[in-house]
């Protein structure tokens, strides 16, 4: 059942009623959100900020889910990035100032994995967008066309969605 929900989310992201740029933006936003650990204020603020931008929410949720699993294997890399930034002598006054602010400590920026994954995700947002855009432009119509041939589309989305897609083409 869990696999079917993931497949449904992925296919909805490709067939959603939004532009290819919005789908690519959803994928890129999901990279950032998926890499950041979720048990802090930083993840909540990112989710609110990214969700307020016009993008494909199914693509955002799918890529967040995917990159949350990938982030587990990147913990050592993120920890090294975070440790480098937190221990850098020139940045010490910034970290002290941030930690003394009222709400900022709840973001857990002083955790090496949180800071490193946020920085890594921020660096990967634009390359992911520009890599995903041509792929979505090329393969989304192919996936939609192939899905219409099978009863799987009716089963995954329900009869009203399959009928709407058929009538649109």
N, C-alpha and C. Protein backbone atom coordinates (compact mmCIF):
# COMPACT_ATOMS: atom_id res chain seq x y z
N UNK A 1 0.82 -1.20 0.00
CA UNK A 1 0.00 0.00 0.00
C UNK A 1 0.86 1.26 0.00
N UNK A 2 1.96 1.24 0.77
CA UNK A 2 2.85 2.40 0.84
C UNK A 2 3.48 2.67 -0.54
N UNK A 3 3.88 1.61 -1.24
CA UNK A 3 4.47 1.76 -2.56
C UNK A 3 3.47 2.37 -3.53
N UNK A 4 2.22 1.97 -3.43
CA UNK A 4 1.19 2.51 -4.32
C UNK A 4 0.98 3.99 -4.06
N UNK A 5 1.01 4.40 -2.79
CA UNK A 5 0.87 5.82 -2.48
C UNK A 5 2.03 6.63 -3.05
N UNK A 6 3.25 6.09 -2.98
CA UNK A 6 4.41 6.78 -3.54
C UNK A 6 4.29 6.89 -5.06
N UNK A 7 3.86 5.81 -5.69
CA UNK A 7 3.68 5.83 -7.15
C UNK A 7 2.60 6.82 -7.53
N UNK A 8 1.51 6.85 -6.78
CA UNK A 8 0.43 7.80 -7.05
C UNK A 8 0.94 9.24 -6.93
N UNK A 9 1.72 9.52 -5.91
CA UNK A 9 2.25 10.86 -5.71
C UNK A 9 3.20 11.25 -6.84
N UNK A 10 4.06 10.33 -7.26
CA UNK A 10 4.98 10.62 -8.35
C UNK A 10 4.24 10.89 -9.65
N UNK A 11 3.27 10.06 -9.98
CA UNK A 11 2.54 10.25 -11.23
C UNK A 11 1.67 11.50 -11.19
N UNK A 12 1.11 11.82 -10.04
CA UNK A 12 0.35 13.06 -9.93
C UNK A 12 1.24 14.28 -10.12
N UNK A 13 2.49 14.18 -9.67
CA UNK A 13 3.40 15.32 -9.85
C UNK A 13 3.68 15.56 -11.33
N UNK A 14 3.71 14.51 -12.11
CA UNK A 14 3.96 14.69 -13.54
C UNK A 14 2.70 15.10 -14.30
N UNK A 15 1.56 14.73 -13.80
CA UNK A 15 0.32 14.99 -14.53
C UNK A 15 -0.51 16.09 -13.90
N UNK A 16 0.03 16.80 -12.95
CA UNK A 16 -0.71 17.88 -12.30
C UNK A 16 -0.98 19.00 -13.29
N UNK A 17 -1.98 19.76 -13.00
CA UNK A 17 -2.35 20.87 -13.88
C UNK A 17 -1.48 22.08 -13.56
N UNK A 18 -0.21 21.98 -13.89
CA UNK A 18 0.72 23.08 -13.69
C UNK A 18 1.80 22.98 -14.76
N UNK A 19 2.58 24.03 -14.87
CA UNK A 19 3.59 24.09 -15.92
C UNK A 19 4.79 23.22 -15.57
N UNK A 20 5.62 23.00 -16.56
CA UNK A 20 6.83 22.21 -16.35
C UNK A 20 7.78 22.94 -15.40
N UNK A 21 7.79 24.26 -15.45
CA UNK A 21 8.63 25.02 -14.54
C UNK A 21 8.18 24.84 -13.09
N UNK A 22 6.89 24.76 -12.87
CA UNK A 22 6.38 24.57 -11.51
C UNK A 22 6.73 23.17 -11.00
N UNK A 23 6.70 22.18 -11.88
CA UNK A 23 7.09 20.82 -11.48
C UNK A 23 8.57 20.79 -11.14
N UNK A 24 9.41 21.42 -11.99
CA UNK A 24 10.85 21.46 -11.71
C UNK A 24 11.13 22.23 -10.42
N UNK A 25 10.40 23.30 -10.18
CA UNK A 25 10.58 24.06 -8.93
C UNK A 25 10.16 23.22 -7.73
N UNK A 26 9.12 22.43 -7.87
CA UNK A 26 8.71 21.53 -6.79
C UNK A 26 9.78 20.50 -6.48
N UNK A 27 10.41 19.97 -7.51
CA UNK A 27 11.49 18.99 -7.32
C UNK A 27 12.67 19.66 -6.62
N UNK A 28 13.04 20.85 -7.07
CA UNK A 28 14.17 21.56 -6.47
C UNK A 28 13.88 21.94 -5.01
N UNK A 29 12.67 22.39 -4.73
CA UNK A 29 12.31 22.71 -3.36
C UNK A 29 12.31 21.48 -2.47
N UNK A 30 11.93 20.36 -3.04
CA UNK A 30 11.94 19.11 -2.29
C UNK A 30 13.34 18.64 -1.94
N UNK A 31 14.31 18.99 -2.78
CA UNK A 31 15.71 18.65 -2.46
C UNK A 31 16.12 19.37 -1.19
N UNK A 32 15.86 20.66 -1.13
CA UNK A 32 16.22 21.43 0.06
C UNK A 32 15.46 20.94 1.29
N UNK A 33 14.17 20.78 1.15
CA UNK A 33 13.36 20.36 2.28
C UNK A 33 13.67 18.92 2.70
N UNK A 34 13.97 18.07 1.75
CA UNK A 34 14.27 16.68 2.08
C UNK A 34 15.59 16.48 2.77
N UNK A 35 16.57 17.32 2.47
CA UNK A 35 17.88 17.16 3.07
C UNK A 35 17.93 17.64 4.52
N UNK A 36 17.12 18.61 4.87
CA UNK A 36 17.15 19.19 6.22
C UNK A 36 16.41 18.27 7.19
N UNK A 37 17.00 17.96 8.35
CA UNK A 37 16.28 17.18 9.37
C UNK A 37 14.99 17.88 9.77
N UNK A 38 13.97 17.11 10.06
CA UNK A 38 12.62 17.67 10.22
C UNK A 38 12.23 18.09 11.63
N UNK A 39 13.01 17.80 12.65
CA UNK A 39 12.56 18.04 14.02
C UNK A 39 13.03 19.38 14.56
N UNK A 40 12.94 20.43 13.76
CA UNK A 40 13.37 21.74 14.24
C UNK A 40 12.57 22.84 13.55
N UNK A 41 12.73 24.05 14.03
CA UNK A 41 12.01 25.20 13.49
C UNK A 41 12.46 25.53 12.07
N UNK A 42 13.70 25.25 11.73
CA UNK A 42 14.20 25.52 10.39
C UNK A 42 13.39 24.75 9.35
N UNK A 43 13.11 23.49 9.60
CA UNK A 43 12.33 22.68 8.66
C UNK A 43 10.91 23.21 8.52
N UNK A 44 10.32 23.65 9.62
CA UNK A 44 8.96 24.20 9.57
C UNK A 44 8.95 25.50 8.76
N UNK A 45 9.93 26.37 9.01
CA UNK A 45 10.00 27.63 8.27
C UNK A 45 10.25 27.38 6.78
N UNK A 46 11.11 26.41 6.46
CA UNK A 46 11.35 26.07 5.06
C UNK A 46 10.08 25.55 4.39
N UNK A 47 9.36 24.68 5.09
CA UNK A 47 8.12 24.13 4.52
C UNK A 47 7.11 25.23 4.24
N UNK A 48 6.96 26.15 5.17
CA UNK A 48 6.02 27.26 4.97
C UNK A 48 6.48 28.14 3.83
N UNK A 49 7.78 28.47 3.81
CA UNK A 49 8.30 29.34 2.75
C UNK A 49 8.23 28.71 1.38
N UNK A 50 8.62 27.45 1.27
CA UNK A 50 8.61 26.78 -0.03
C UNK A 50 7.19 26.54 -0.50
N UNK A 51 6.29 26.20 0.41
CA UNK A 51 4.90 25.94 0.03
C UNK A 51 4.17 27.21 -0.40
N UNK A 52 4.67 28.37 0.00
CA UNK A 52 4.01 29.61 -0.38
C UNK A 52 4.40 30.08 -1.78
N UNK A 53 5.37 29.43 -2.38
CA UNK A 53 5.79 29.75 -3.74
C UNK A 53 4.93 28.94 -4.71
N UNK A 54 4.68 29.48 -5.88
CA UNK A 54 3.88 28.76 -6.88
C UNK A 54 4.73 27.64 -7.48
N UNK A 55 4.42 26.42 -7.06
CA UNK A 55 5.09 25.24 -7.57
C UNK A 55 4.17 24.05 -7.43
N UNK A 56 4.59 22.93 -7.97
CA UNK A 56 3.80 21.72 -7.91
C UNK A 56 3.97 21.06 -6.54
N UNK A 57 2.92 21.06 -5.76
CA UNK A 57 2.99 20.46 -4.43
C UNK A 57 3.20 18.94 -4.49
N UNK A 58 2.57 18.21 -5.43
CA UNK A 58 2.90 16.79 -5.50
C UNK A 58 4.38 16.53 -5.81
N UNK A 59 4.97 17.33 -6.70
CA UNK A 59 6.39 17.17 -6.99
C UNK A 59 7.23 17.53 -5.77
N UNK A 60 6.82 18.56 -5.04
CA UNK A 60 7.52 18.95 -3.81
C UNK A 60 7.48 17.82 -2.79
N UNK A 61 6.30 17.26 -2.56
CA UNK A 61 6.17 16.20 -1.56
C UNK A 61 6.91 14.94 -1.98
N UNK A 62 6.83 14.59 -3.27
CA UNK A 62 7.52 13.39 -3.73
C UNK A 62 9.03 13.55 -3.59
N UNK A 63 9.58 14.68 -4.05
CA UNK A 63 11.03 14.85 -3.97
C UNK A 63 11.49 15.03 -2.52
N UNK A 64 10.65 15.62 -1.67
CA UNK A 64 10.98 15.70 -0.24
C UNK A 64 11.08 14.30 0.35
N UNK A 65 10.12 13.45 0.03
CA UNK A 65 10.15 12.07 0.50
C UNK A 65 11.39 11.35 0.00
N UNK A 66 11.70 11.50 -1.28
CA UNK A 66 12.86 10.82 -1.87
C UNK A 66 14.16 11.31 -1.25
N UNK A 67 14.32 12.62 -1.14
CA UNK A 67 15.58 13.15 -0.62
C UNK A 67 15.69 13.03 0.90
N UNK A 68 14.60 12.80 1.59
CA UNK A 68 14.69 12.48 3.01
C UNK A 68 15.39 11.15 3.20
N UNK A 69 15.14 10.21 2.32
CA UNK A 69 15.82 8.92 2.38
C UNK A 69 17.27 9.04 1.94
N UNK A 70 17.53 9.85 0.93
CA UNK A 70 18.90 10.05 0.46
C UNK A 70 19.73 10.77 1.53
N UNK A 71 19.09 11.67 2.27
CA UNK A 71 19.79 12.46 3.29
C UNK A 71 20.41 11.58 4.37
N UNK A 72 19.83 10.43 4.61
CA UNK A 72 20.37 9.53 5.63
C UNK A 72 21.79 9.12 5.26
N UNK A 73 22.02 8.85 3.98
CA UNK A 73 23.36 8.44 3.56
C UNK A 73 24.32 9.62 3.44
N UNK A 74 23.79 10.84 3.45
CA UNK A 74 24.64 12.04 3.33
C UNK A 74 24.94 12.69 4.68
N UNK A 75 24.56 12.05 5.77
CA UNK A 75 24.78 12.65 7.10
C UNK A 75 26.24 12.95 7.38
N UNK A 76 27.14 12.07 6.96
CA UNK A 76 28.56 12.32 7.24
C UNK A 76 29.07 13.52 6.44
N UNK A 77 28.61 13.67 5.20
CA UNK A 77 29.00 14.82 4.38
C UNK A 77 28.43 16.10 4.98
N UNK A 78 27.16 16.07 5.35
CA UNK A 78 26.51 17.25 5.94
C UNK A 78 27.14 17.62 7.27
N UNK A 79 27.50 16.62 8.05
CA UNK A 79 28.16 16.88 9.32
C UNK A 79 29.52 17.55 9.12
N UNK A 80 30.26 17.10 8.11
CA UNK A 80 31.57 17.72 7.83
C UNK A 80 31.41 19.17 7.38
N UNK A 81 30.40 19.43 6.54
CA UNK A 81 30.14 20.81 6.09
C UNK A 81 29.75 21.68 7.28
N UNK A 82 28.83 21.19 8.09
CA UNK A 82 28.38 21.95 9.26
C UNK A 82 29.49 22.19 10.25
N UNK A 83 30.31 21.17 10.48
CA UNK A 83 31.42 21.33 11.42
C UNK A 83 32.42 22.36 10.91
N UNK A 84 32.71 22.33 9.61
CA UNK A 84 33.63 23.31 9.03
C UNK A 84 33.09 24.72 9.24
N UNK A 85 31.80 24.92 8.98
CA UNK A 85 31.22 26.26 9.11
C UNK A 85 31.13 26.71 10.57
N UNK A 86 30.75 25.79 11.45
CA UNK A 86 30.62 26.18 12.86
C UNK A 86 31.97 26.43 13.53
N UNK A 87 33.02 25.76 13.08
CA UNK A 87 34.34 25.92 13.70
C UNK A 87 35.18 27.00 13.03
N UNK A 88 34.70 27.55 11.92
CA UNK A 88 35.47 28.58 11.21
C UNK A 88 35.58 29.82 12.08
N UNK A 89 36.80 30.27 12.29
CA UNK A 89 37.06 31.38 13.22
C UNK A 89 36.37 32.68 12.80
N UNK A 90 36.30 32.95 11.50
CA UNK A 90 35.69 34.20 11.05
C UNK A 90 34.18 34.23 11.25
N UNK A 91 33.57 33.06 11.37
CA UNK A 91 32.12 32.99 11.54
C UNK A 91 31.68 32.89 13.00
N UNK A 92 32.61 32.75 13.92
CA UNK A 92 32.27 32.60 15.33
C UNK A 92 31.40 33.74 15.87
N UNK A 93 31.69 35.01 15.57
CA UNK A 93 30.81 36.09 16.06
C UNK A 93 29.37 35.97 15.52
N UNK A 94 29.22 35.52 14.28
CA UNK A 94 27.89 35.34 13.71
C UNK A 94 27.11 34.26 14.46
N UNK A 95 27.76 33.13 14.73
CA UNK A 95 27.07 32.03 15.44
C UNK A 95 26.69 32.46 16.86
N UNK A 96 27.56 33.19 17.53
CA UNK A 96 27.25 33.66 18.88
C UNK A 96 26.08 34.64 18.86
N UNK A 97 26.10 35.56 17.90
CA UNK A 97 25.00 36.52 17.78
C UNK A 97 23.69 35.81 17.48
N UNK A 98 23.70 34.87 16.54
CA UNK A 98 22.48 34.14 16.20
C UNK A 98 21.95 33.35 17.39
N UNK A 99 22.84 32.73 18.13
CA UNK A 99 22.40 31.92 19.27
C UNK A 99 21.77 32.77 20.37
N UNK A 100 22.15 34.03 20.44
CA UNK A 100 21.60 34.93 21.46
C UNK A 100 20.29 35.59 21.04
N UNK A 101 19.82 35.30 19.82
CA UNK A 101 18.54 35.84 19.37
C UNK A 101 17.40 35.01 19.97
N UNK A 102 16.19 35.59 20.08
CA UNK A 102 15.12 34.91 20.81
C UNK A 102 14.66 33.56 20.21
N UNK A 103 14.47 33.46 18.93
CA UNK A 103 13.87 32.26 18.34
C UNK A 103 14.89 31.41 17.58
N UNK A 104 15.96 31.99 17.13
CA UNK A 104 16.92 31.31 16.26
C UNK A 104 17.48 30.00 16.84
N UNK A 105 17.74 29.88 18.14
CA UNK A 105 18.24 28.59 18.64
C UNK A 105 17.30 27.41 18.38
N UNK A 106 16.01 27.66 18.22
CA UNK A 106 15.06 26.58 17.95
C UNK A 106 15.24 26.01 16.54
N UNK A 107 15.98 26.70 15.69
CA UNK A 107 16.24 26.17 14.35
C UNK A 107 17.30 25.07 14.37
N UNK A 108 17.99 24.93 15.50
CA UNK A 108 19.09 23.95 15.64
C UNK A 108 20.22 24.19 14.66
N UNK A 109 20.45 25.45 14.30
CA UNK A 109 21.54 25.76 13.37
C UNK A 109 22.89 25.36 13.95
N UNK A 110 22.98 25.24 15.26
CA UNK A 110 24.25 24.89 15.90
C UNK A 110 24.53 23.38 15.86
N UNK A 111 23.63 22.60 15.28
CA UNK A 111 23.85 21.18 15.05
C UNK A 111 24.57 21.04 13.70
N UNK A 112 25.65 20.30 13.66
CA UNK A 112 26.46 20.22 12.44
C UNK A 112 25.67 19.62 11.28
N UNK A 113 24.85 18.63 11.55
CA UNK A 113 24.08 18.00 10.46
C UNK A 113 23.00 18.94 9.94
N UNK A 114 22.33 19.66 10.81
CA UNK A 114 21.29 20.59 10.39
C UNK A 114 21.88 21.70 9.54
N UNK A 115 22.95 22.32 10.01
CA UNK A 115 23.57 23.41 9.26
C UNK A 115 24.16 22.90 7.95
N UNK A 116 24.86 21.77 8.00
CA UNK A 116 25.46 21.23 6.78
C UNK A 116 24.44 20.81 5.76
N UNK A 117 23.34 20.19 6.18
CA UNK A 117 22.31 19.78 5.22
C UNK A 117 21.57 20.99 4.65
N UNK A 118 21.38 22.02 5.46
CA UNK A 118 20.75 23.25 4.95
C UNK A 118 21.64 23.91 3.90
N UNK A 119 22.93 23.99 4.17
CA UNK A 119 23.85 24.59 3.20
C UNK A 119 23.94 23.75 1.93
N UNK A 120 24.06 22.44 2.08
CA UNK A 120 24.12 21.55 0.92
C UNK A 120 22.84 21.64 0.10
N UNK A 121 21.69 21.61 0.75
CA UNK A 121 20.42 21.74 0.04
C UNK A 121 20.28 23.08 -0.66
N UNK A 122 20.72 24.15 0.00
CA UNK A 122 20.66 25.48 -0.62
C UNK A 122 21.54 25.57 -1.86
N UNK A 123 22.69 24.93 -1.80
CA UNK A 123 23.60 24.93 -2.95
C UNK A 123 23.02 24.10 -4.10
N UNK A 124 22.28 23.04 -3.79
CA UNK A 124 21.76 22.15 -4.82
C UNK A 124 20.44 22.58 -5.43
N UNK A 125 19.78 23.60 -4.89
CA UNK A 125 18.46 24.00 -5.39
C UNK A 125 18.50 24.41 -6.86
N UNK A 126 19.34 25.35 -7.22
CA UNK A 126 19.36 25.84 -8.60
C UNK A 126 19.86 24.78 -9.60
N UNK A 127 20.95 24.05 -9.32
CA UNK A 127 21.33 22.99 -10.26
C UNK A 127 20.24 21.94 -10.44
N UNK A 128 19.53 21.62 -9.37
CA UNK A 128 18.44 20.65 -9.48
C UNK A 128 17.33 21.17 -10.35
N UNK A 129 16.98 22.44 -10.18
CA UNK A 129 15.93 23.04 -11.02
C UNK A 129 16.31 22.98 -12.49
N UNK A 130 17.54 23.40 -12.80
CA UNK A 130 17.95 23.44 -14.20
C UNK A 130 18.19 22.05 -14.78
N UNK A 131 18.46 21.07 -13.95
CA UNK A 131 18.58 19.69 -14.43
C UNK A 131 17.20 19.04 -14.59
N UNK A 132 16.27 19.38 -13.71
CA UNK A 132 14.95 18.76 -13.76
C UNK A 132 14.08 19.34 -14.87
N UNK A 133 14.24 20.60 -15.19
CA UNK A 133 13.36 21.25 -16.17
C UNK A 133 13.37 20.55 -17.53
N UNK A 134 14.52 20.30 -18.15
CA UNK A 134 14.47 19.60 -19.44
C UNK A 134 13.96 18.17 -19.33
N UNK A 135 14.23 17.51 -18.21
CA UNK A 135 13.73 16.15 -18.03
C UNK A 135 12.21 16.13 -17.92
N UNK A 136 11.66 17.07 -17.18
CA UNK A 136 10.20 17.15 -17.04
C UNK A 136 9.57 17.52 -18.37
N UNK A 137 10.17 18.47 -19.09
CA UNK A 137 9.62 18.87 -20.39
C UNK A 137 9.61 17.70 -21.37
N UNK A 138 10.61 16.86 -21.28
CA UNK A 138 10.70 15.75 -22.22
C UNK A 138 9.84 14.56 -21.82
N UNK A 139 9.85 14.20 -20.53
CA UNK A 139 9.25 12.93 -20.12
C UNK A 139 7.84 13.03 -19.55
N UNK A 140 7.41 14.18 -19.10
CA UNK A 140 6.05 14.29 -18.55
C UNK A 140 4.99 13.96 -19.60
N UNK A 141 5.06 14.50 -20.82
CA UNK A 141 4.05 14.12 -21.82
C UNK A 141 4.09 12.63 -22.17
N UNK A 142 5.27 12.05 -22.17
CA UNK A 142 5.40 10.62 -22.47
C UNK A 142 4.73 9.78 -21.39
N UNK A 143 4.96 10.15 -20.12
CA UNK A 143 4.35 9.41 -19.01
C UNK A 143 2.84 9.54 -19.05
N UNK A 144 2.33 10.73 -19.31
CA UNK A 144 0.87 10.94 -19.38
C UNK A 144 0.28 10.09 -20.50
N UNK A 145 0.91 10.11 -21.66
CA UNK A 145 0.41 9.36 -22.80
C UNK A 145 0.42 7.85 -22.52
N UNK A 146 1.48 7.37 -21.93
CA UNK A 146 1.55 5.94 -21.62
C UNK A 146 0.55 5.54 -20.54
N UNK A 147 0.35 6.41 -19.56
CA UNK A 147 -0.58 6.08 -18.49
C UNK A 147 -2.01 6.00 -18.99
N UNK A 148 -2.34 6.76 -20.00
CA UNK A 148 -3.70 6.74 -20.53
C UNK A 148 -4.03 5.42 -21.21
N UNK A 149 -3.04 4.69 -21.63
CA UNK A 149 -3.26 3.42 -22.31
C UNK A 149 -3.68 2.31 -21.34
N UNK A 150 -3.40 2.48 -20.07
CA UNK A 150 -3.61 1.41 -19.11
C UNK A 150 -4.71 1.75 -18.12
N UNK A 151 -5.33 0.74 -17.61
CA UNK A 151 -6.34 0.93 -16.58
C UNK A 151 -5.72 1.32 -15.24
N UNK A 152 -4.39 1.24 -15.19
CA UNK A 152 -3.69 1.62 -13.97
C UNK A 152 -3.97 3.06 -13.59
N UNK A 153 -4.11 3.93 -14.61
CA UNK A 153 -4.39 5.35 -14.32
C UNK A 153 -5.74 5.49 -13.63
N UNK A 154 -6.73 4.76 -14.11
CA UNK A 154 -8.05 4.82 -13.49
C UNK A 154 -7.99 4.29 -12.06
N UNK A 155 -7.23 3.25 -11.85
CA UNK A 155 -7.12 2.66 -10.52
C UNK A 155 -6.36 3.56 -9.55
N UNK A 156 -5.28 4.20 -10.03
CA UNK A 156 -4.47 5.04 -9.16
C UNK A 156 -5.16 6.35 -8.79
N UNK A 157 -5.81 6.97 -9.75
CA UNK A 157 -6.37 8.29 -9.48
C UNK A 157 -7.87 8.31 -9.28
N UNK A 158 -8.53 7.35 -9.77
CA UNK A 158 -9.98 7.35 -9.70
C UNK A 158 -10.55 7.73 -11.04
N UNK A 159 -11.80 7.40 -11.23
CA UNK A 159 -12.43 7.57 -12.53
C UNK A 159 -12.52 9.03 -12.96
N UNK A 160 -12.80 9.95 -12.03
CA UNK A 160 -12.97 11.35 -12.44
C UNK A 160 -11.67 11.96 -12.97
N UNK A 161 -10.52 11.59 -12.38
CA UNK A 161 -9.26 12.12 -12.87
C UNK A 161 -8.94 11.57 -14.25
N UNK A 162 -9.12 10.27 -14.45
CA UNK A 162 -8.81 9.65 -15.74
C UNK A 162 -9.70 10.24 -16.83
N UNK A 163 -10.96 10.49 -16.51
CA UNK A 163 -11.86 11.08 -17.49
C UNK A 163 -11.46 12.51 -17.82
N UNK A 164 -11.02 13.25 -16.84
CA UNK A 164 -10.60 14.64 -17.06
C UNK A 164 -9.37 14.70 -17.95
N UNK A 165 -8.41 13.80 -17.74
CA UNK A 165 -7.21 13.78 -18.57
C UNK A 165 -7.53 13.36 -19.99
N UNK A 166 -8.40 12.37 -20.13
CA UNK A 166 -8.78 11.93 -21.48
C UNK A 166 -9.49 13.04 -22.24
N UNK A 167 -10.37 13.80 -21.57
CA UNK A 167 -11.10 14.86 -22.24
C UNK A 167 -10.20 16.06 -22.55
N UNK A 168 -9.10 16.24 -21.79
CA UNK A 168 -8.20 17.36 -22.04
C UNK A 168 -7.38 17.13 -23.30
N UNK A 169 -7.13 15.87 -23.63
CA UNK A 169 -6.32 15.56 -24.82
C UNK A 169 -7.22 15.22 -25.96
